[in-house]
N, C-alpha and C. Protein backbone atom coordinates (compact mmCIF):
# COMPACT_ATOMS: atom_id res chain seq x y z
N MET A 1 8.96 2.71 1.82
CA MET A 1 8.92 1.67 0.24
C MET A 1 7.87 0.71 1.86
N LEU A 2 8.44 0.49 3.40
CA LEU A 2 8.47 -0.48 3.66
C LEU A 2 7.33 -1.07 4.39
N PRO A 3 5.56 -0.04 4.22
CA PRO A 3 4.67 -0.30 4.58
C PRO A 3 4.03 -1.05 3.61
N GLY A 4 4.32 -1.09 2.25
CA GLY A 4 3.61 -1.35 1.37
C GLY A 4 3.86 -3.00 0.87
N ILE A 5 5.62 -3.19 1.40
CA ILE A 5 6.26 -4.32 1.28
C ILE A 5 5.10 -5.01 2.15
N LEU A 6 5.10 -4.72 3.86
CA LEU A 6 4.83 -5.47 4.40
C LEU A 6 3.57 -5.98 4.29
N GLY A 7 2.28 -4.01 3.60
CA GLY A 7 1.45 -4.32 2.96
C GLY A 7 1.22 -5.75 1.76
N ALA A 8 1.42 -5.73 0.96
CA ALA A 8 2.07 -6.61 -0.01
C ALA A 8 1.95 -8.26 0.41
N VAL A 9 2.59 -8.17 1.19
CA VAL A 9 3.05 -9.97 1.91
C VAL A 9 1.91 -10.01 2.83
N ALA A 10 1.44 -9.11 3.71
CA ALA A 10 0.45 -9.72 4.59
C ALA A 10 -0.96 -9.85 4.10
N THR A 11 -0.86 -9.21 3.16
CA THR A 11 -2.22 -9.37 2.32
C THR A 11 -2.54 -10.73 1.75
N ALA A 12 -1.16 -10.96 0.96
CA ALA A 12 -0.94 -12.29 0.25
C ALA A 12 -0.29 -13.33 1.05
N ILE A 13 -0.04 -13.64 1.80
CA ILE A 13 0.03 -14.57 2.81
C ILE A 13 -1.81 -15.12 3.71
N SER A 14 -2.30 -13.16 3.68
CA SER A 14 -3.71 -13.72 4.42
C SER A 14 -4.53 -14.53 3.53
N LEU A 15 -3.99 -14.01 1.66
CA LEU A 15 -4.81 -14.96 1.05
C LEU A 15 -4.43 -15.99 0.30
N ALA A 16 -3.70 -16.79 0.47
CA ALA A 16 -2.61 -17.88 0.64
C ALA A 16 -3.67 -18.38 2.29
N VAL A 17 -3.83 -18.55 3.00
CA VAL A 17 -4.38 -19.10 4.41
C VAL A 17 -6.03 -19.22 4.67
N ALA A 18 -6.69 -18.11 3.90
CA ALA A 18 -7.94 -18.32 4.04
C ALA A 18 -8.89 -18.79 2.30
N ASN A 19 -7.86 -18.33 1.36
CA ASN A 19 -8.80 -18.53 0.27
C ASN A 19 -10.11 -18.20 -0.13
N PRO A 20 -10.17 -17.18 0.26
CA PRO A 20 -11.94 -17.14 0.01
C PRO A 20 -12.71 -17.41 -1.33
N ASP A 21 -13.30 -16.97 -1.31
CA ASP A 21 -13.98 -17.71 -2.49
C ASP A 21 -14.80 -16.05 -3.17
N VAL A 22 -13.78 -16.19 -4.16
CA VAL A 22 -13.97 -14.75 -5.17
C VAL A 22 -15.39 -14.50 -5.36
N HIS A 23 -16.20 -15.75 -5.65
CA HIS A 23 -17.56 -15.33 -6.60
C HIS A 23 -18.50 -15.14 -5.53
N ALA A 24 -18.08 -15.29 -4.51
CA ALA A 24 -19.06 -15.40 -2.86
C ALA A 24 -19.72 -13.71 -2.95
N SER A 25 -18.68 -12.70 -2.74
CA SER A 25 -18.86 -11.31 -2.62
C SER A 25 -18.09 -10.68 -3.01
N ALA A 26 -18.85 -8.73 -2.98
CA ALA A 26 -17.80 -8.52 -3.88
C ALA A 26 -16.60 -8.11 -2.60
N TRP A 27 -16.58 -8.23 -1.18
CA TRP A 27 -15.22 -7.59 -0.81
C TRP A 27 -14.52 -9.12 -0.66
N ASN A 28 -14.93 -10.29 -1.35
CA ASN A 28 -13.54 -11.52 -1.21
C ASN A 28 -13.03 -10.59 -2.46
N LEU A 29 -13.87 -10.07 -3.61
CA LEU A 29 -13.25 -9.66 -4.57
C LEU A 29 -11.81 -9.03 -4.28
N ILE A 30 -12.41 -8.16 -3.60
CA ILE A 30 -11.85 -6.72 -3.46
C ILE A 30 -10.56 -6.95 -2.60
N TRP A 31 -10.88 -8.27 -2.13
CA TRP A 31 -9.39 -8.38 -1.14
C TRP A 31 -8.32 -9.39 -1.94
N TRP A 32 -8.87 -10.27 -3.13
CA TRP A 32 -8.07 -10.32 -3.79
C TRP A 32 -7.47 -9.55 -4.45
N LEU A 33 -8.27 -8.71 -5.02
CA LEU A 33 -7.39 -7.55 -5.34
C LEU A 33 -6.43 -6.55 -4.20
N SER A 34 -6.92 -6.54 -3.26
CA SER A 34 -6.37 -5.47 -2.11
C SER A 34 -4.62 -5.87 -2.13
N PRO A 35 -3.24 -6.71 -2.45
CA PRO A 35 -2.14 -6.60 -2.84
C PRO A 35 -2.03 -6.02 -4.12
N ALA A 36 -2.61 -5.61 -5.30
CA ALA A 36 -2.42 -4.82 -5.98
C ALA A 36 -2.69 -3.35 -5.41
N PHE A 37 -3.04 -2.97 -4.58
CA PHE A 37 -2.89 -1.64 -3.67
C PHE A 37 -1.21 -1.29 -3.12
N PHE A 38 -1.09 -2.20 -2.46
CA PHE A 38 -0.07 -2.33 -2.01
C PHE A 38 1.38 -1.94 -3.03
N ILE A 39 1.32 -3.18 -4.18
CA ILE A 39 2.47 -3.14 -5.35
C ILE A 39 2.03 -1.68 -5.83
N VAL A 40 1.21 -0.93 -5.99
CA VAL A 40 0.90 0.50 -6.60
C VAL A 40 1.54 1.50 -5.55
N TRP A 41 1.75 0.98 -4.73
CA TRP A 41 2.56 2.02 -3.53
C TRP A 41 3.91 1.98 -3.33
N ILE A 42 4.43 0.48 -3.91
CA ILE A 42 6.13 0.47 -3.52
C ILE A 42 6.37 1.41 -4.83
N MET A 43 5.78 1.78 -6.06
CA MET A 43 5.72 1.78 -7.46
C MET A 43 6.08 3.29 -6.56
N LEU A 44 5.26 3.68 -6.41
CA LEU A 44 5.35 5.49 -6.03
C LEU A 44 6.29 5.83 -5.42
N ALA A 45 6.39 5.04 -4.25
CA ALA A 45 7.65 5.26 -3.05
C ALA A 45 9.20 4.21 -4.52
N GLY A 46 8.83 3.61 -5.00
CA GLY A 46 10.42 3.76 -5.66
C GLY A 46 10.85 4.76 -6.74
N VAL A 47 9.52 5.30 -7.77
CA VAL A 47 9.89 6.52 -8.43
C VAL A 47 10.62 8.00 -7.28
N GLN A 48 9.24 7.85 -6.54
CA GLN A 48 10.10 8.96 -5.10
C GLN A 48 11.03 9.22 -4.71
N SER A 49 11.82 7.22 -4.22
CA SER A 49 13.04 7.73 -3.90
C SER A 49 13.88 8.07 -5.04
N PHE A 50 13.84 7.18 -6.05
CA PHE A 50 14.88 7.67 -6.97
C PHE A 50 14.64 9.17 -7.55
N ARG A 51 14.09 9.92 -7.90
CA ARG A 51 14.12 11.30 -7.82
C ARG A 51 14.13 11.83 -6.82
N ARG A 52 14.23 11.39 -5.84
CA ARG A 52 15.48 12.25 -4.93
C ARG A 52 16.82 12.27 -4.33
N ALA A 53 16.98 11.05 -5.10
CA ALA A 53 18.75 10.16 -5.01
C ALA A 53 19.31 11.20 -5.75
N ASP A 54 20.96 11.07 -5.55
CA ASP A 54 21.91 11.83 -6.69
C ASP A 54 22.38 10.89 -7.04
N GLU A 55 23.32 11.07 -8.17
CA GLU A 55 23.94 10.27 -9.27
C GLU A 55 24.07 9.16 -9.20
N TYR A 56 24.96 8.50 -7.95
CA TYR A 56 25.07 7.36 -7.58
C TYR A 56 23.94 6.68 -7.56
N GLN A 57 23.45 7.19 -6.40
CA GLN A 57 22.66 6.67 -5.46
C GLN A 57 21.47 6.02 -6.73
N GLN A 58 20.91 6.99 -7.98
CA GLN A 58 20.09 6.43 -8.60
C GLN A 58 20.68 5.46 -9.94
N ARG A 59 22.31 5.18 -9.84
CA ARG A 59 23.01 4.30 -10.20
C ARG A 59 22.91 2.50 -9.52
N VAL A 60 22.93 2.87 -8.41
CA VAL A 60 22.43 1.45 -7.11
C VAL A 60 21.42 1.19 -7.63
N GLN A 61 20.84 1.90 -7.71
CA GLN A 61 19.07 1.72 -7.93
C GLN A 61 18.95 1.45 -9.20
N LEU A 62 19.52 1.70 -10.11
CA LEU A 62 19.40 0.72 -11.49
C LEU A 62 20.31 -0.48 -11.85
N GLU A 63 21.41 -0.40 -11.00
CA GLU A 63 21.49 -2.10 -11.13
C GLU A 63 21.42 -2.68 -9.97
N SER A 64 20.18 -2.55 -8.49
CA SER A 64 19.67 -3.28 -8.09
C SER A 64 18.46 -4.23 -8.64
N LEU A 65 18.03 -2.79 -9.83
CA LEU A 65 16.74 -3.46 -10.32
C LEU A 65 17.17 -4.37 -11.49
N ALA A 66 18.13 -4.01 -11.88
CA ALA A 66 18.32 -4.87 -12.87
C ALA A 66 18.89 -6.70 -12.20
N VAL A 67 19.11 -6.16 -11.73
CA VAL A 67 19.43 -7.57 -10.52
C VAL A 67 18.35 -8.33 -10.77
N GLY A 68 17.25 -7.42 -9.87
CA GLY A 68 16.23 -8.21 -9.39
C GLY A 68 15.64 -8.95 -11.06
N PHE A 69 15.12 -7.70 -12.34
CA PHE A 69 14.88 -7.74 -13.43
C PHE A 69 15.82 -9.38 -13.59
N LEU A 70 16.86 -9.88 -13.27
CA LEU A 70 17.80 -10.79 -14.25
C LEU A 70 16.38 -11.70 -13.05
N ALA A 71 17.13 -11.95 -12.20
CA ALA A 71 16.00 -12.90 -11.42
C ALA A 71 14.77 -13.23 -11.74
N ALA A 72 13.63 -12.42 -12.21
CA ALA A 72 12.56 -12.83 -11.96
C ALA A 72 12.55 -13.60 -13.64
N MET A 73 13.38 -13.47 -14.32
CA MET A 73 13.41 -13.69 -15.65
C MET A 73 13.94 -14.50 -16.00
N THR A 74 15.12 -15.68 -14.66
CA THR A 74 15.42 -16.28 -14.33
C THR A 74 14.45 -17.29 -14.30
N ALA A 75 13.94 -16.73 -13.23
CA ALA A 75 12.68 -17.96 -12.64
C ALA A 75 11.80 -18.07 -13.09
N ALA A 76 11.26 -17.03 -14.29
CA ALA A 76 9.97 -17.54 -15.16
C ALA A 76 10.44 -18.31 -16.24
N ILE A 77 11.84 -18.73 -16.65
CA ILE A 77 12.28 -19.34 -17.75
C ILE A 77 12.02 -20.69 -16.99
N VAL A 78 12.96 -21.07 -15.47
CA VAL A 78 12.60 -22.33 -15.43
C VAL A 78 11.19 -22.71 -15.06
N PHE A 79 10.26 -21.69 -14.61
CA PHE A 79 8.70 -22.04 -14.38
C PHE A 79 8.04 -22.57 -16.12
N LEU A 80 8.38 -22.14 -16.82
CA LEU A 80 8.35 -22.32 -18.11
C LEU A 80 8.94 -23.31 -18.59
N LEU A 81 9.80 -23.82 -18.36
CA LEU A 81 10.17 -25.13 -18.53
C LEU A 81 9.96 -26.40 -18.00
N LEU A 82 9.58 -26.28 -16.04
CA LEU A 82 8.61 -27.26 -15.84
C LEU A 82 7.41 -27.10 -15.96
N GLU A 83 6.51 -25.85 -17.06
CA GLU A 83 5.67 -26.36 -16.97
C GLU A 83 5.50 -27.01 -18.55
N SER A 84 6.43 -26.67 -19.47
CA SER A 84 6.73 -28.10 -20.85
C SER A 84 7.01 -29.34 -20.37
N ALA A 85 7.84 -29.83 -19.02
CA ALA A 85 8.02 -31.16 -19.06
C ALA A 85 6.36 -31.45 -18.11
N ARG A 86 5.47 -30.79 -18.14
CA ARG A 86 4.86 -31.31 -17.16
C ARG A 86 4.44 -31.14 -15.72
N ILE A 87 5.06 -30.20 -15.40
CA ILE A 87 5.23 -30.30 -14.37
C ILE A 87 4.08 -28.91 -13.59
N HIS A 88 3.60 -28.94 -13.10
CA HIS A 88 2.70 -28.11 -13.02
C HIS A 88 2.79 -27.18 -11.00
N VAL A 89 3.52 -25.83 -11.17
CA VAL A 89 3.80 -25.37 -9.88
C VAL A 89 2.79 -24.45 -9.64
N GLY A 90 1.89 -24.71 -8.48
CA GLY A 90 1.44 -23.48 -8.19
C GLY A 90 1.78 -22.01 -7.92
N ALA A 91 0.77 -21.52 -8.65
CA ALA A 91 1.02 -19.71 -8.26
C ALA A 91 2.91 -19.32 -8.47
N ALA A 92 2.92 -19.50 -9.92
CA ALA A 92 4.22 -19.66 -10.46
C ALA A 92 4.52 -18.01 -10.83
N GLY A 93 3.62 -16.66 -11.19
CA GLY A 93 3.42 -16.32 -11.53
C GLY A 93 3.60 -15.19 -10.18
N GLU A 94 3.50 -15.68 -9.17
CA GLU A 94 3.73 -15.13 -8.12
C GLU A 94 5.12 -15.59 -7.29
N TRP A 95 5.81 -16.82 -7.40
CA TRP A 95 6.94 -17.48 -6.99
C TRP A 95 8.14 -16.08 -8.22
N VAL A 96 7.76 -16.18 -9.11
CA VAL A 96 8.39 -15.15 -10.09
C VAL A 96 8.33 -13.97 -9.62
N PHE A 97 7.22 -13.47 -9.27
CA PHE A 97 7.47 -11.65 -8.52
C PHE A 97 8.22 -12.04 -7.09
N TRP A 98 7.95 -12.84 -6.32
CA TRP A 98 8.87 -12.63 -5.14
C TRP A 98 10.52 -12.70 -5.72
N THR A 99 10.52 -13.61 -6.58
CA THR A 99 12.08 -13.98 -6.59
C THR A 99 12.71 -12.44 -6.76
N GLY A 100 11.83 -11.78 -7.86
CA GLY A 100 13.00 -10.34 -8.00
C GLY A 100 13.16 -10.12 -7.21
N ALA A 101 11.51 -10.04 -6.20
CA ALA A 101 11.52 -8.66 -5.60
C ALA A 101 12.11 -8.95 -4.84
N ALA A 102 12.83 -10.05 -4.40
CA ALA A 102 13.59 -10.49 -3.00
C ALA A 102 15.25 -10.21 -3.99
N ALA A 103 15.06 -10.58 -5.23
CA ALA A 103 16.66 -10.18 -5.63
C ALA A 103 17.25 -9.02 -5.33
N TRP A 104 15.81 -7.90 -5.69
CA TRP A 104 16.31 -6.15 -5.90
C TRP A 104 16.95 -5.84 -4.91
N ALA A 105 15.52 -6.81 -3.95
CA ALA A 105 16.15 -5.18 -2.50
C ALA A 105 17.48 -6.19 -1.42
N GLY A 106 18.08 -7.19 -2.41
CA GLY A 106 18.73 -7.73 -1.69
C GLY A 106 20.32 -6.90 -1.91
N ALA A 107 20.39 -6.78 -3.89
CA ALA A 107 21.12 -6.39 -3.61
C ALA A 107 21.49 -4.94 -3.94
N LEU A 108 20.17 -4.28 -3.61
CA LEU A 108 20.28 -2.86 -3.17
C LEU A 108 20.49 -2.69 -1.29
N THR A 109 20.41 -3.77 -0.99
CA THR A 109 21.14 -3.59 0.48
C THR A 109 22.40 -3.86 0.33
N LEU A 110 23.02 -5.09 -0.05
CA LEU A 110 23.96 -5.26 -0.37
C LEU A 110 24.78 -3.86 -0.33
N LYS A 111 24.31 -3.29 -2.03
CA LYS A 111 25.39 -2.08 -2.39
C LYS A 111 25.14 -0.46 -2.08
N SER A 112 24.38 -0.80 -1.18
CA SER A 112 23.57 0.04 -0.46
C SER A 112 24.83 0.24 1.03
N ALA A 113 25.07 -1.02 1.60
CA ALA A 113 25.80 -1.35 2.89
C ALA A 113 27.26 -1.00 2.78
N ARG A 114 27.90 -0.90 1.19
CA ARG A 114 29.16 -1.27 0.85
C ARG A 114 29.42 0.01 0.56
N THR A 115 28.81 0.94 0.23
CA THR A 115 29.22 2.36 0.46
C THR A 115 29.31 3.48 1.51
N ARG A 116 28.63 2.58 2.23
CA ARG A 116 28.80 3.08 4.18
C ARG A 116 29.63 3.38 4.37
């Protein structure tokens, strides 16, 4: 899963820094869509990891996913309330995604470390 996570972060940072014009060429469009490739990679690695896990490990993974989902939904509500107050936050969807992903990874790390 780590190569997918690093690839998603690296491409997201490169897009934020370079901000290529998506209408300029097909390569820029591919560059803008490249994080989706890494997200699919992460999803497939997660499914494979879940299938290989025993019942206890599956429970830990599901509980961690629940924590990540809760964090993402909380962030989404916060950004919706800010938008209702006419406070525009750039890349709100990205913030929601990374909040959920960080909470999921953190919960999984803490729960996994506790069982060792």
